[in-house]
Amino acid sequence: MDWSQLYEQRKMTPQEAVSQFVQDGDGVFLGGLAIAEATMKEVIAQAKRGEKKGLTLHGNLILNQLPLDDPELTPDKLRYKCFFYGGYERAGSKYGSVTFVPLQFSSFARYMEQVKPEVVIIPVTPPDAHGNCNIGPLSAGYNPAAVRNCKTIIAEVNEFLPRVFGRELDIPVHRISAFVEHHQPIIEYPASSPSKIDAAIANYILDMIPDGACIQLGLGGMSNAVGYGLKEKKHLGIHTEMLTESMIELIKCGAVDNSRKGFMPGRSLVSFTLGKQSQYDFVRENPALYFGPYEYVNDVSLIAQNDNMISINTAISVDLTGQACSESIGFRQFSGTGGQVDYVRGASYAKGGKSFLAISSTVETKTGVASRIVLDFPIGGTTTTLRSETQYVVTEYGCAKLWGEDLPTRAKRLIEIAHPDFRDRLTFEAKKAHLLY
């Protein structure tokens, strides 16, 4: 049968697709960021009504509105095992319908091989002339491994999703069991504008990035402050999870040409982009970009092939020995393990590589201003990056080199870049704990 005939034959409404292909007790992979909204809302609705029982969802932070915090959505009906939290996941965790899976992104394919979801429900582009749908730029990191390990695919076709080039991104029509057409603009998630503190932190890092460096940046204003500050550099490369707004500007202005990369020279290697519509327009069928799954893009051995690999991430807090908590506030899960450790290691192993954890010195809390540099984490606080792997910590007060230093030296250097209002207290606590003498 011609692929176009097969496509027409398998077109369904969300209700028809879920009723036919999702069974009680199934594992369902929904991906993350911009998800298959219409179909997943039907999954939630049928579970809430008791028409589907014992479902286990697997996925990442979502941007679409799913009622995960509905108290009627009890864990016996549905449990969402999520490996990176956002607002909807944090809300749902109050009722037990959302639970957290600690997972480094480089291990995601191994996780999918263990989980083997019965059903994958994901957004895709309309088929091309060869009968292939494309995963697009928001889910290229994790959807390929899910597709590879599932039995059934329900594809929500969205003409607004841009087609991109990369590894395992095309899915032939004959591999898909149901097509749900639901066309809507991709959710925009503009990066926050860099603050004065972000700019001050960035200035310490920019001086340490040479021409020809290969960069990885995370989400947020601080990362963009670094990115925009690199416009005068030459021959930069990109090997990163997230293609940021500032990275696109670096490509446009010529600062990035990928000419000195050790791995995949000539192209920017990324796993996803998230931001404004202009970013989605830029990545659409752009041959300068290569989108790959996490087990590929976050492979430490591949990252380390890039000389002068620069990794820039952030944290919630850093203790005086150099441990970084980047995902929880006590026992409360806030975000996820993600790929931070993958890039900390990859950059550290690269010739001339550097990894930075960039944080503001203080944070506003319900009880007032608190220091992000602390003696130790609250009870339940998670160590995301080990102290044995932390290389540089940067605040608006300076850059502390930690790797290879003993504990007293680490504590002293971290106190020096803490906010002045907290330095005396931190010094007192460090001496009491015998970290300083």
Protein backbone atom coordinates (compact mmCIF):
# COMPACT_ATOMS: atom_id res chain seq x y z
CA MET A 1 0.00 0.00 0.00
CA ASP A 2 1.26 3.52 -0.84
CA TRP A 3 2.36 5.44 2.25
CA SER A 4 -0.18 8.21 1.62
CA GLN A 5 -3.01 5.66 1.56
CA LEU A 6 -1.69 4.12 4.78
CA TYR A 7 -1.58 7.55 6.37
CA GLU A 8 -5.22 8.25 5.48
CA GLN A 9 -6.26 4.82 6.69
CA ARG A 10 -4.62 5.34 10.08
CA LYS A 11 -5.91 8.85 10.77
CA MET A 12 -7.93 8.96 14.00
CA THR A 13 -9.35 11.28 16.62
CA PRO A 14 -7.50 11.43 19.95
CA GLN A 15 -10.30 9.42 21.56
CA GLU A 16 -10.12 6.70 18.92
CA ALA A 17 -6.33 6.43 19.10
CA VAL A 18 -6.18 6.22 22.90
CA SER A 19 -9.14 3.83 23.16
CA GLN A 20 -7.65 1.47 20.59
CA PHE A 21 -3.96 1.48 21.41
CA VAL A 22 -3.58 2.32 25.13
CA GLN A 23 -4.47 -0.57 27.43
CA ASP A 24 -4.70 -0.92 31.22
CA GLY A 25 -1.27 -1.21 32.79
CA ASP A 26 0.60 0.14 29.77
CA GLY A 27 3.75 2.18 29.93
CA VAL A 28 3.27 5.36 27.89
CA PHE A 29 6.10 7.63 26.80
CA LEU A 30 5.05 11.25 26.22
CA GLY A 31 8.40 12.95 25.71
CA GLY A 32 8.64 16.47 27.02
CA LEU A 33 8.65 20.22 26.37
CA ALA A 34 6.05 20.63 23.56
CA ILE A 35 4.14 17.34 23.77
CA ALA A 36 1.26 15.76 21.84
CA GLU A 37 -1.21 17.87 23.75
CA ALA A 38 -4.58 16.78 22.34
CA THR A 39 -3.78 13.07 22.58
CA MET A 40 -2.21 13.26 26.03
CA LYS A 41 -5.18 15.19 27.38
CA GLU A 42 -7.35 12.30 26.20
CA VAL A 43 -5.07 9.83 28.02
CA ILE A 44 -5.45 11.88 31.20
CA ALA A 45 -9.22 12.18 30.77
CA GLN A 46 -9.73 8.44 30.24
CA ALA A 47 -7.53 7.63 33.23
CA LYS A 48 -9.40 10.09 35.43
CA ARG A 49 -12.76 8.53 34.42
CA GLY A 50 -11.43 5.08 35.23
CA GLU A 51 -11.54 3.90 31.62
CA LYS A 52 -7.78 3.28 31.74
CA LYS A 53 -6.13 1.95 34.89
CA GLY A 54 -2.60 1.45 36.11
CA LEU A 55 -0.94 3.58 33.44
CA THR A 56 2.71 4.54 33.87
CA LEU A 57 3.82 7.63 31.98
CA HIS A 58 7.47 8.35 31.23
CA GLY A 59 8.77 11.75 30.21
CA ASN A 60 10.48 15.05 30.75
CA LEU A 61 9.43 18.56 31.79
CA ILE A 62 6.33 19.57 29.83
CA LEU A 63 5.22 23.01 28.70
CA ASN A 64 1.65 22.16 27.68
CA GLN A 65 -1.13 22.38 30.24
CA LEU A 66 -1.87 18.90 31.57
CA PRO A 67 -3.91 18.62 34.80
CA LEU A 68 -1.26 16.65 36.66
CA ASP A 69 -2.24 18.28 39.96
CA ASP A 70 -5.83 16.97 39.87
CA PRO A 71 -6.37 15.14 43.20
CA GLU A 72 -8.73 12.70 41.41
CA LEU A 73 -5.81 11.54 39.27
CA THR A 74 -4.66 9.04 41.88
CA PRO A 75 -1.53 6.90 41.45
CA ASP A 76 -3.59 3.72 40.96
CA LYS A 77 -5.02 5.31 37.80
CA LEU A 78 -1.87 6.97 36.52
CA ARG A 79 1.66 7.65 37.65
CA TYR A 80 4.00 9.92 35.73
CA LYS A 81 7.64 8.91 36.24
CA CYS A 82 9.47 12.07 35.24
CA PHE A 83 13.22 12.62 34.87
CA PHE A 84 13.14 16.44 34.90
CA TYR A 85 10.60 18.59 36.76
CA GLY A 86 8.96 21.85 35.77
CA GLY A 87 5.95 23.65 37.21
CA TYR A 88 3.34 21.06 36.19
CA GLU A 89 5.43 18.19 37.54
CA ARG A 90 6.10 19.93 40.86
CA ALA A 91 2.37 20.55 41.24
CA GLY A 92 1.48 16.93 40.47
CA SER A 93 4.07 15.57 42.88
CA LYS A 94 1.93 16.79 45.81
CA TYR A 95 -0.61 14.05 45.08
CA GLY A 96 1.74 11.23 44.11
CA SER A 97 0.64 11.24 40.48
CA VAL A 98 4.13 12.52 39.51
CA THR A 99 7.32 10.94 40.85
CA PHE A 100 10.95 11.64 40.05
CA VAL A 101 13.48 9.37 38.33
CA PRO A 102 17.14 10.42 38.91
CA LEU A 103 18.75 10.13 35.50
CA GLN A 104 21.71 11.57 33.64
CA PHE A 105 20.74 12.34 30.07
CA SER A 106 23.64 10.34 28.66
CA SER A 107 21.99 7.22 30.16
CA PHE A 108 18.57 7.88 28.65
CA ALA A 109 18.78 5.19 25.97
CA ARG A 110 19.68 2.63 28.63
CA TYR A 111 16.66 3.78 30.63
CA MET A 112 14.37 3.29 27.64
CA GLU A 113 15.83 -0.18 27.05
CA GLN A 114 14.84 -1.02 30.62
CA VAL A 115 11.40 0.62 30.51
CA LYS A 116 10.35 -0.49 27.00
CA PRO A 117 7.08 1.51 26.89
CA GLU A 118 4.19 -0.18 25.14
CA VAL A 119 3.05 3.11 23.61
CA VAL A 120 4.85 6.28 22.51
CA ILE A 121 2.70 9.40 22.00
CA ILE A 122 4.69 12.22 20.40
CA PRO A 123 4.30 15.21 18.07
CA VAL A 124 5.73 14.90 14.56
CA THR A 125 5.83 16.86 11.31
CA PRO A 126 3.56 15.89 8.41
CA PRO A 127 5.14 13.21 6.18
CA ASP A 128 7.62 14.38 3.55
CA ALA A 129 7.68 13.22 -0.08
CA HIS A 130 9.31 9.96 1.00
CA GLY A 131 6.68 9.19 3.64
CA ASN A 132 8.78 10.10 6.67
CA CYS A 133 7.57 12.14 9.63
CA ASN A 134 10.18 14.09 11.60
CA ILE A 135 10.53 14.37 15.38
CA GLY A 136 11.50 18.05 15.20
CA PRO A 137 13.86 20.20 17.31
CA LEU A 138 12.27 20.07 20.76
CA SER A 139 12.44 16.34 21.41
CA ALA A 140 15.43 15.13 19.41
CA GLY A 141 17.29 14.34 22.64
CA TYR A 142 15.00 11.66 24.03
CA ASN A 143 12.28 10.65 21.54
CA PRO A 144 14.56 8.53 19.28
CA ALA A 145 15.40 6.11 22.11
CA ALA A 146 11.73 5.81 23.05
CA VAL A 147 10.70 5.12 19.44
CA ARG A 148 13.45 2.53 19.15
CA ASN A 149 12.18 0.62 22.19
CA CYS A 150 8.40 0.82 21.90
CA LYS A 151 5.71 -1.40 20.37
CA THR A 152 3.21 1.24 19.24
CA ILE A 153 3.54 4.87 18.10
CA ILE A 154 0.69 7.36 18.19
CA ALA A 155 1.86 10.40 16.24
CA GLU A 156 0.21 13.78 16.68
CA VAL A 157 0.85 15.54 13.37
CA ASN A 158 1.51 19.26 13.64
CA GLU A 159 2.30 21.35 10.56
CA PHE A 160 3.85 24.06 12.75
CA LEU A 161 6.62 21.71 13.95
CA PRO A 162 9.82 22.38 11.97
CA ARG A 163 11.62 19.52 10.30
CA VAL A 164 15.31 19.31 11.26
CA PHE A 165 18.36 17.28 10.23
CA GLY A 166 19.92 14.76 12.53
CA ARG A 167 20.24 11.24 13.86
CA GLU A 168 17.16 8.95 14.06
CA LEU A 169 14.71 11.81 13.60
CA ASP A 170 12.68 10.43 10.68
CA ILE A 171 9.90 7.91 11.35
CA PRO A 172 8.36 6.17 8.31
CA VAL A 173 4.58 6.22 8.06
CA HIS A 174 4.37 2.41 8.13
CA ARG A 175 6.01 2.39 11.62
CA ILE A 176 3.22 4.55 13.08
CA SER A 177 -0.05 2.95 14.25
CA ALA A 178 -2.22 6.06 14.50
CA PHE A 179 -2.07 9.64 13.20
CA VAL A 180 -3.88 12.39 15.11
CA GLU A 181 -3.86 15.70 13.26
CA HIS A 182 -3.64 18.60 15.67
CA HIS A 183 -2.06 21.75 14.27
CA GLN A 184 -1.05 24.47 16.71
CA PRO A 185 1.89 26.90 17.00
CA ILE A 186 4.82 25.57 19.01
CA ILE A 187 4.93 26.93 22.54
CA GLU A 188 7.38 29.80 22.88
CA TYR A 189 9.64 29.95 25.93
CA PRO A 190 11.77 33.09 25.64
CA ALA A 191 14.94 33.13 27.71
CA SER A 192 15.06 35.58 30.57
CA SER A 193 17.08 38.72 29.89
CA PRO A 194 20.49 38.78 31.57
CA SER A 195 20.55 40.76 34.81
CA LYS A 196 23.40 42.94 36.05
CA ILE A 197 24.50 40.04 38.24
CA ASP A 198 24.40 37.68 35.24
CA ALA A 199 26.58 40.10 33.29
CA ALA A 200 29.07 40.38 36.16
CA ILE A 201 29.34 36.59 36.41
CA ALA A 202 29.71 36.28 32.65
CA ASN A 203 32.61 38.73 32.60
CA TYR A 204 34.72 36.43 34.80
CA ILE A 205 34.01 33.49 32.48
CA LEU A 206 34.48 35.32 29.17
CA ASP A 207 38.10 36.12 29.97
CA MET A 208 38.79 32.38 30.26
CA ILE A 209 37.29 31.34 26.90
CA PRO A 210 39.82 31.38 24.05
CA ASP A 211 39.21 31.70 20.33
CA GLY A 212 38.47 28.30 18.85
CA ALA A 213 36.70 27.04 21.98
CA CYS A 214 33.72 24.68 21.77
CA ILE A 215 30.83 25.72 24.01
CA GLN A 216 27.92 24.23 25.92
CA LEU A 217 25.44 26.56 27.59
CA GLY A 218 22.42 25.87 29.77
CA LEU A 219 19.06 27.60 30.08
CA GLY A 220 18.62 31.09 31.53
CA GLY A 221 19.77 34.68 31.55
CA MET A 222 23.26 33.95 32.82
CA SER A 223 24.00 31.52 29.99
CA ASN A 224 22.78 34.03 27.44
CA ALA A 225 24.93 36.70 29.08
CA VAL A 226 27.94 34.50 28.36
CA GLY A 227 26.69 33.67 24.87
CA TYR A 228 26.13 37.26 23.80
CA GLY A 229 29.49 38.20 25.31
CA LEU A 230 31.26 35.85 22.88
CA LYS A 231 30.42 37.81 19.72
CA GLU A 232 33.98 39.09 19.37
CA LYS A 233 35.51 35.62 19.60
CA LYS A 234 36.60 33.68 16.50
CA HIS A 235 36.22 30.09 15.26
CA LEU A 236 33.96 28.95 18.09
CA GLY A 237 32.23 25.58 17.96
CA ILE A 238 28.99 24.27 19.46
CA HIS A 239 28.48 20.88 21.13
CA THR A 240 25.57 21.21 23.53
CA GLU A 241 22.26 19.83 24.72
CA MET A 242 20.39 23.08 24.24
CA LEU A 243 20.80 25.41 21.28
CA THR A 244 20.22 28.76 22.97
CA GLU A 245 19.06 32.07 21.55
CA SER A 246 22.55 33.50 22.08
CA MET A 247 24.18 30.59 20.25
CA ILE A 248 22.02 31.28 17.21
CA GLU A 249 23.24 34.88 17.27
CA LEU A 250 26.83 33.63 17.43
CA ILE A 251 26.22 31.52 14.33
CA LYS A 252 24.62 34.44 12.51
CA CYS A 253 27.43 36.89 13.30
CA GLY A 254 30.16 34.42 12.31
CA ALA A 255 31.73 33.92 15.74
CA VAL A 256 30.73 30.24 15.45
CA ASP A 257 32.06 28.41 12.39
CA ASN A 258 32.80 25.01 14.02
CA SER A 259 36.11 24.90 12.15
CA ARG A 260 38.21 23.80 15.14
CA LYS A 261 35.96 21.16 16.66
CA GLY A 262 37.51 17.77 17.22
CA PHE A 263 34.16 15.99 16.92
CA MET A 264 31.86 16.69 13.97
CA PRO A 265 33.73 19.75 12.66
CA GLY A 266 31.75 22.10 10.46
CA ARG A 267 28.37 21.56 12.17
CA SER A 268 26.79 22.52 15.48
CA LEU A 269 25.81 19.37 17.38
CA VAL A 270 22.74 19.83 19.61
CA SER A 271 19.84 17.88 21.17
CA PHE A 272 17.08 20.48 21.32
CA THR A 273 16.16 24.12 21.08
CA LEU A 274 13.55 25.99 23.09
CA GLY A 275 12.61 29.64 22.87
CA LYS A 276 11.08 32.12 20.46
CA GLN A 277 9.43 31.44 17.12
CA SER A 278 12.49 32.98 15.46
CA GLN A 279 14.58 30.10 16.87
CA TYR A 280 12.21 27.51 15.41
CA ASP A 281 12.37 29.30 12.07
CA PHE A 282 16.17 29.31 12.18
CA VAL A 283 16.53 25.58 12.81
CA ARG A 284 14.01 24.51 10.16
CA GLU A 285 15.92 22.31 7.67
CA ASN A 286 19.15 24.13 8.51
CA PRO A 287 22.10 22.02 7.29
CA ALA A 288 24.52 23.77 9.65
CA LEU A 289 22.77 22.08 12.59
CA TYR A 290 22.76 18.40 13.53
CA PHE A 291 20.25 17.24 16.14
CA GLY A 292 21.10 14.03 17.98
CA PRO A 293 19.79 11.89 20.86
CA TYR A 294 21.21 12.31 24.33
CA GLU A 295 23.16 9.05 24.32
CA TYR A 296 25.10 10.55 21.40
CA VAL A 297 25.30 14.29 22.11
CA ASN A 298 25.96 13.79 25.84
CA ASP A 299 28.48 10.98 25.40
CA VAL A 300 31.41 12.09 27.58
CA SER A 301 33.98 10.51 25.26
CA LEU A 302 32.61 12.48 22.28
CA ILE A 303 32.39 15.77 24.20
CA ALA A 304 36.01 15.32 25.30
CA GLN A 305 37.20 15.14 21.68
CA ASN A 306 36.71 18.90 21.40
CA ASP A 307 39.82 20.82 22.47
CA ASN A 308 39.05 23.82 24.71
CA MET A 309 35.59 22.45 25.49
CA ILE A 310 33.78 24.98 27.69
CA SER A 311 30.82 23.84 29.81
CA ILE A 312 28.71 26.45 31.63
CA ASN A 313 25.92 25.36 33.97
CA THR A 314 24.28 26.64 37.11
CA ALA A 315 23.29 25.32 40.52
CA ILE A 316 20.89 25.97 43.37
CA SER A 317 23.72 25.96 45.91
CA VAL A 318 27.34 24.92 46.38
CA ASP A 319 28.76 23.74 49.69
CA LEU A 320 32.15 24.72 51.06
CA THR A 321 33.78 21.52 49.83
CA GLY A 322 32.62 22.08 46.22
CA GLN A 323 29.59 19.81 45.99
CA ALA A 324 26.85 21.32 43.80
CA CYS A 325 23.13 20.86 44.30
CA SER A 326 21.43 21.72 41.03
CA GLU A 327 18.04 20.02 41.30
CA SER A 328 16.40 19.94 44.73
CA ILE A 329 15.57 22.10 47.74
CA GLY A 330 15.86 19.66 50.59
CA PHE A 331 13.72 16.67 49.68
CA ARG A 332 11.60 18.79 47.33
CA GLN A 333 12.54 17.96 43.77
CA PHE A 334 12.78 21.19 41.77
CA SER A 335 14.26 20.28 38.37
CA GLY A 336 16.43 17.31 37.41
CA THR A 337 19.87 15.78 37.11
CA GLY A 338 19.87 16.47 33.37
CA GLY A 339 23.14 16.57 31.49
CA GLN A 340 25.18 18.75 33.83
CA VAL A 341 27.48 15.96 34.98
CA ASP A 342 27.95 14.72 31.40
CA TYR A 343 29.35 18.10 30.35
CA VAL A 344 31.29 18.70 33.56
CA ARG A 345 33.10 15.46 32.86
CA GLY A 346 33.40 15.91 29.11
CA ALA A 347 34.88 19.40 29.44
CA SER A 348 37.23 18.31 32.22
CA TYR A 349 38.60 15.45 30.10
CA ALA A 350 39.05 17.60 26.99
CA LYS A 351 42.45 19.11 26.21
CA GLY A 352 42.29 22.69 27.51
CA GLY A 353 38.68 22.17 28.64
CA LYS A 354 37.00 24.03 31.48
CA SER A 355 33.71 23.50 33.30
CA PHE A 356 32.04 26.34 35.19
CA LEU A 357 29.19 26.33 37.70
CA ALA A 358 27.85 29.87 37.65
CA ILE A 359 25.58 31.08 40.46
CA SER A 360 24.45 34.36 41.96
CA SER A 361 25.86 34.74 45.46
CA THR A 362 22.40 35.07 47.07
CA VAL A 363 18.79 34.08 46.52
CA GLU A 364 15.48 35.46 47.81
CA THR A 365 13.60 32.91 49.94
CA LYS A 366 10.40 32.97 51.99
CA THR A 367 12.49 33.71 55.08
CA GLY A 368 14.68 36.36 53.48
CA VAL A 369 17.95 36.57 51.55
CA ALA A 370 20.08 33.44 51.72
CA SER A 371 23.57 32.59 50.54
CA ARG A 372 23.93 30.12 47.68
CA ILE A 373 27.33 29.18 49.03
CA VAL A 374 26.64 27.16 52.17
CA LEU A 375 28.40 25.07 54.78
CA ASP A 376 26.25 22.09 53.81
CA PHE A 377 22.95 21.38 52.09
CA PRO A 378 19.62 21.15 53.90
CA ILE A 379 18.49 17.67 54.91
CA GLY A 380 17.52 15.88 51.73
CA GLY A 381 19.55 18.19 49.48
CA THR A 382 20.89 16.38 46.43
CA THR A 383 24.50 16.35 45.29
CA THR A 384 24.27 16.66 41.51
CA THR A 385 27.93 17.33 40.73
CA LEU A 386 30.52 15.70 42.96
CA ARG A 387 33.15 17.85 44.65
CA SER A 388 35.81 15.68 43.01
CA GLU A 389 34.57 16.90 39.59
CA THR A 390 33.77 20.57 40.23
CA GLN A 391 36.36 22.66 38.43
CA TYR A 392 35.33 26.34 38.68
CA VAL A 393 32.58 28.07 40.67
CA VAL A 394 31.74 31.64 39.66
CA THR A 395 29.64 34.34 41.32
CA GLU A 396 29.42 38.07 40.73
CA TYR A 397 32.32 38.38 43.20
CA GLY A 398 34.83 36.23 41.37
CA CYS A 399 35.88 32.84 40.06
CA ALA A 400 37.10 30.09 42.41
CA LYS A 401 39.21 27.27 40.99
CA LEU A 402 38.53 24.15 43.06
CA TRP A 403 39.70 21.10 41.15
CA GLY A 404 42.85 19.55 42.64
CA GLU A 405 42.69 21.71 45.77
CA ASP A 406 42.36 20.50 49.36
CA LEU A 407 39.30 21.23 51.49
CA PRO A 408 40.67 24.24 53.41
CA THR A 409 41.71 25.91 50.14
CA ARG A 410 38.29 25.19 48.61
CA ALA A 411 36.45 26.61 51.60
CA LYS A 412 38.62 29.75 51.63
CA ARG A 413 38.18 30.40 47.90
CA LEU A 414 34.41 29.84 48.00
CA ILE A 415 34.02 32.18 50.98
CA GLU A 416 35.95 34.83 49.05
CA ILE A 417 33.34 34.78 46.25
CA ALA A 418 30.33 34.56 48.59
CA HIS A 419 28.27 37.68 49.25
CA PRO A 420 30.11 39.93 51.75
CA ASP A 421 27.16 39.79 54.17
CA PHE A 422 27.68 36.04 54.62
CA ARG A 423 31.44 35.69 54.62
CA ASP A 424 31.99 36.07 58.37
CA ARG A 425 29.29 33.54 59.18
CA LEU A 426 30.63 31.08 56.61
CA THR A 427 34.15 31.49 58.00
CA PHE A 428 32.88 30.82 61.55
CA GLU A 429 30.96 27.73 60.41
CA ALA A 430 33.91 26.45 58.37
CA LYS A 431 36.27 26.71 61.35
CA LYS A 432 33.74 25.02 63.63
CA ALA A 433 33.46 22.16 61.11
CA HIS A 434 37.29 21.98 60.85
CA LEU A 435 37.26 22.92 57.17
CA LEU A 436 39.38 25.97 58.03
CA TYR A 437 42.10 26.16 60.65
